[in-house]
């Protein structure tokens, strides 16, 4: 069976967003075990859709479509950043500093890909 990491080993943003999605799922399971259902649900949706949108962009119909799909991923990443900042600021929530660092990096890389794509 082919693993995602093997198939897309040369695509940094796909790998990072996939790895991030896995970490978000695990973090949300911890939130759910602590009965933090509302935020867990919001974070799970936005945090996993980043990579899905980036993956969808890989088969875009045009450069404009590629940029549009990456911008959707950026919006989801921005929402995810919000939920992570909120979790980080609330008492009785598990630490998510590592997820914040990951989302900062994903935002930076995605923003650079969009800027580079626009300039070509």
C-alpha atoms as a PDB file:
ATOM      1  CA  UNK A   1       0.000   0.000   0.000  1.00  0.00           C
ATOM      2  CA  UNK A   2       1.390   3.400  -0.976  1.00  0.00           C
ATOM      3  CA  UNK A   3       1.587   5.971   1.775  1.00  0.00           C
ATOM      4  CA  UNK A   4       0.789   9.634   1.225  1.00  0.00           C
ATOM      5  CA  UNK A   5       4.303  10.590   2.329  1.00  0.00           C
ATOM      6  CA  UNK A   6       5.831   8.299  -0.300  1.00  0.00           C
ATOM      7  CA  UNK A   7       3.610   9.422  -3.166  1.00  0.00           C
ATOM      8  CA  UNK A   8       4.106  13.156  -2.519  1.00  0.00           C
ATOM      9  CA  UNK A   9       7.646  13.130  -1.127  1.00  0.00           C
ATOM     10  CA  UNK A  10       8.694  15.949  -3.485  1.00  0.00           C
ATOM     11  CA  UNK A  11       5.836  18.282  -2.567  1.00  0.00           C
ATOM     12  CA  UNK A  12       6.737  20.110   0.646  1.00  0.00           C
ATOM     13  CA  UNK A  13       3.409  21.891   1.193  1.00  0.00           C
ATOM     14  CA  UNK A  14       1.390  18.726   0.643  1.00  0.00           C
ATOM     15  CA  UNK A  15       3.571  16.839   3.117  1.00  0.00           C
ATOM     16  CA  UNK A  16       3.407  19.604   5.718  1.00  0.00           C
ATOM     17  CA  UNK A  17      -0.351  20.051   5.405  1.00  0.00           C
ATOM     18  CA  UNK A  18      -0.949  16.283   5.592  1.00  0.00           C
ATOM     19  CA  UNK A  19       1.260  15.955   8.668  1.00  0.00           C
ATOM     20  CA  UNK A  20      -0.503  18.954  10.206  1.00  0.00           C
ATOM     21  CA  UNK A  21      -3.919  17.394   9.557  1.00  0.00           C
ATOM     22  CA  UNK A  22      -2.830  14.227  11.375  1.00  0.00           C
ATOM     23  CA  UNK A  23      -1.667  16.292  14.364  1.00  0.00           C
ATOM     24  CA  UNK A  24      -4.944  18.242  14.370  1.00  0.00           C
ATOM     25  CA  UNK A  25      -6.960  15.013  14.435  1.00  0.00           C
ATOM     26  CA  UNK A  26      -4.980  13.783  17.445  1.00  0.00           C
ATOM     27  CA  UNK A  27      -5.275  17.156  19.231  1.00  0.00           C
ATOM     28  CA  UNK A  28      -9.034  17.240  18.578  1.00  0.00           C
ATOM     29  CA  UNK A  29      -9.396  13.736  20.004  1.00  0.00           C
ATOM     30  CA  UNK A  30      -7.736  15.030  23.170  1.00  0.00           C
ATOM     31  CA  UNK A  31     -10.118  18.014  23.225  1.00  0.00           C
ATOM     32  CA  UNK A  32     -13.092  15.682  22.815  1.00  0.00           C
ATOM     33  CA  UNK A  33     -11.878  13.502  25.672  1.00  0.00           C
ATOM     34  CA  UNK A  34     -11.922  16.671  27.788  1.00  0.00           C
ATOM     35  CA  UNK A  35     -15.456  17.433  26.542  1.00  0.00           C
ATOM     36  CA  UNK A  36     -14.377  20.469  24.517  1.00  0.00           C
ATOM     37  CA  UNK A  37     -16.627  19.434  21.634  1.00  0.00           C
ATOM     38  CA  UNK A  38     -17.470  22.762  19.996  1.00  0.00           C
ATOM     39  CA  UNK A  39     -13.900  23.942  19.502  1.00  0.00           C
ATOM     40  CA  UNK A  40     -12.729  20.417  18.658  1.00  0.00           C
ATOM     41  CA  UNK A  41     -15.299  20.260  15.859  1.00  0.00           C
ATOM     42  CA  UNK A  42     -14.412  23.690  14.443  1.00  0.00           C
ATOM     43  CA  UNK A  43     -10.679  23.033  14.604  1.00  0.00           C
ATOM     44  CA  UNK A  44     -11.029  19.574  13.085  1.00  0.00           C
ATOM     45  CA  UNK A  45     -12.931  20.940  10.089  1.00  0.00           C
ATOM     46  CA  UNK A  46     -10.651  23.871   9.344  1.00  0.00           C
ATOM     47  CA  UNK A  47      -7.388  22.118  10.236  1.00  0.00           C
ATOM     48  CA  UNK A  48      -7.958  19.132   7.982  1.00  0.00           C
ATOM     49  CA  UNK A  49      -9.412  21.075   5.055  1.00  0.00           C
ATOM     50  CA  UNK A  50      -6.149  22.985   4.534  1.00  0.00           C
ATOM     51  CA  UNK A  51      -4.394  19.954   3.099  1.00  0.00           C
ATOM     52  CA  UNK A  52      -7.482  18.824   1.207  1.00  0.00           C
ATOM     53  CA  UNK A  53      -7.650  22.183  -0.584  1.00  0.00           C
ATOM     54  CA  UNK A  54      -3.924  22.154  -1.299  1.00  0.00           C
ATOM     55  CA  UNK A  55      -4.280  18.631  -2.696  1.00  0.00           C
ATOM     56  CA  UNK A  56      -7.210  19.742  -4.838  1.00  0.00           C
ATOM     57  CA  UNK A  57      -5.100  22.611  -6.199  1.00  0.00           C
ATOM     58  CA  UNK A  58      -2.627  20.090  -7.589  1.00  0.00           C
ATOM     59  CA  UNK A  59      -5.124  19.193 -10.314  1.00  0.00           C
ATOM     60  CA  UNK A  60      -6.426  22.661 -11.028  1.00  0.00           C
ATOM     61  CA  UNK A  61      -7.657  23.571 -14.483  1.00  0.00           C
ATOM     62  CA  UNK A  62      -5.619  26.764 -14.811  1.00  0.00           C
ATOM     63  CA  UNK A  63      -3.172  28.999 -12.971  1.00  0.00           C
ATOM     64  CA  UNK A  64      -6.112  31.130 -11.786  1.00  0.00           C
ATOM     65  CA  UNK A  65      -7.880  28.012 -10.479  1.00  0.00           C
ATOM     66  CA  UNK A  66      -4.665  26.879  -8.744  1.00  0.00           C
ATOM     67  CA  UNK A  67      -4.324  30.258  -7.011  1.00  0.00           C
ATOM     68  CA  UNK A  68      -8.008  30.279  -6.073  1.00  0.00           C
ATOM     69  CA  UNK A  69      -7.786  26.845  -4.446  1.00  0.00           C
ATOM     70  CA  UNK A  70      -4.640  27.844  -2.544  1.00  0.00           C
ATOM     71  CA  UNK A  71      -6.414  30.985  -1.345  1.00  0.00           C
ATOM     72  CA  UNK A  72      -9.198  28.800   0.017  1.00  0.00           C
ATOM     73  CA  UNK A  73      -6.531  26.755   1.831  1.00  0.00           C
ATOM     74  CA  UNK A  74      -5.118  30.025   3.214  1.00  0.00           C
ATOM     75  CA  UNK A  75      -8.549  31.018   4.545  1.00  0.00           C
ATOM     76  CA  UNK A  76      -8.873  27.664   6.268  1.00  0.00           C
ATOM     77  CA  UNK A  77      -5.359  28.054   7.682  1.00  0.00           C
ATOM     78  CA  UNK A  78      -6.233  31.514   9.017  1.00  0.00           C
ATOM     79  CA  UNK A  79      -9.348  30.110  10.689  1.00  0.00           C
ATOM     80  CA  UNK A  80      -7.290  27.263  12.133  1.00  0.00           C
ATOM     81  CA  UNK A  81      -4.770  29.752  13.486  1.00  0.00           C
ATOM     82  CA  UNK A  82      -7.622  31.561  15.255  1.00  0.00           C
ATOM     83  CA  UNK A  83      -8.879  28.381  16.949  1.00  0.00           C
ATOM     84  CA  UNK A  84      -5.350  27.451  17.982  1.00  0.00           C
ATOM     85  CA  UNK A  85      -4.700  30.899  19.465  1.00  0.00           C
ATOM     86  CA  UNK A  86      -7.977  30.547  21.359  1.00  0.00           C
ATOM     87  CA  UNK A  87      -7.049  27.109  22.705  1.00  0.00           C
ATOM     88  CA  UNK A  88      -3.628  28.396  23.652  1.00  0.00           C
ATOM     89  CA  UNK A  89      -5.193  31.257  25.605  1.00  0.00           C
ATOM     90  CA  UNK A  90      -7.835  29.271  27.486  1.00  0.00           C
ATOM     91  CA  UNK A  91      -7.263  27.597  30.819  1.00  0.00           C
ATOM     92  CA  UNK A  92      -7.778  23.840  30.964  1.00  0.00           C
ATOM     93  CA  UNK A  93      -6.933  23.367  27.288  1.00  0.00           C
ATOM     94  CA  UNK A  94      -3.982  21.217  26.239  1.00  0.00           C
ATOM     95  CA  UNK A  95      -0.893  22.976  24.950  1.00  0.00           C
ATOM     96  CA  UNK A  96      -0.909  23.546  21.202  1.00  0.00           C
ATOM     97  CA  UNK A  97       2.300  25.557  20.687  1.00  0.00           C
ATOM     98  CA  UNK A  98       3.619  22.939  18.257  1.00  0.00           C
ATOM     99  CA  UNK A  99       0.453  23.240  16.147  1.00  0.00           C
ATOM    100  CA  UNK A 100       0.756  27.030  16.140  1.00  0.00           C
ATOM    101  CA  UNK A 101       4.328  26.786  14.882  1.00  0.00           C
ATOM    102  CA  UNK A 102       3.199  24.376  12.178  1.00  0.00           C
ATOM    103  CA  UNK A 103       0.348  26.616  11.018  1.00  0.00           C
ATOM    104  CA  UNK A 104       2.666  29.646  10.883  1.00  0.00           C
ATOM    105  CA  UNK A 105       4.958  27.684   8.581  1.00  0.00           C
ATOM    106  CA  UNK A 106       2.091  26.436   6.402  1.00  0.00           C
ATOM    107  CA  UNK A 107       0.752  29.989   6.066  1.00  0.00           C
ATOM    108  CA  UNK A 108       4.180  31.296   5.125  1.00  0.00           C
ATOM    109  CA  UNK A 109       4.808  28.602   2.506  1.00  0.00           C
ATOM    110  CA  UNK A 110       1.325  28.844   1.007  1.00  0.00           C
ATOM    111  CA  UNK A 111       1.544  32.621   0.826  1.00  0.00           C
ATOM    112  CA  UNK A 112       4.893  32.326  -0.979  1.00  0.00           C
ATOM    113  CA  UNK A 113       3.487  29.798  -3.471  1.00  0.00           C
ATOM    114  CA  UNK A 114       0.575  32.121  -4.236  1.00  0.00           C
ATOM    115  CA  UNK A 115       2.860  35.144  -4.676  1.00  0.00           C
ATOM    116  CA  UNK A 116       5.229  33.183  -6.925  1.00  0.00           C
ATOM    117  CA  UNK A 117       2.329  31.800  -8.984  1.00  0.00           C
ATOM    118  CA  UNK A 118       0.915  35.290  -9.511  1.00  0.00           C
ATOM    119  CA  UNK A 119       4.260  36.639 -10.711  1.00  0.00           C
ATOM    120  CA  UNK A 120       4.726  33.987 -13.424  1.00  0.00           C
END
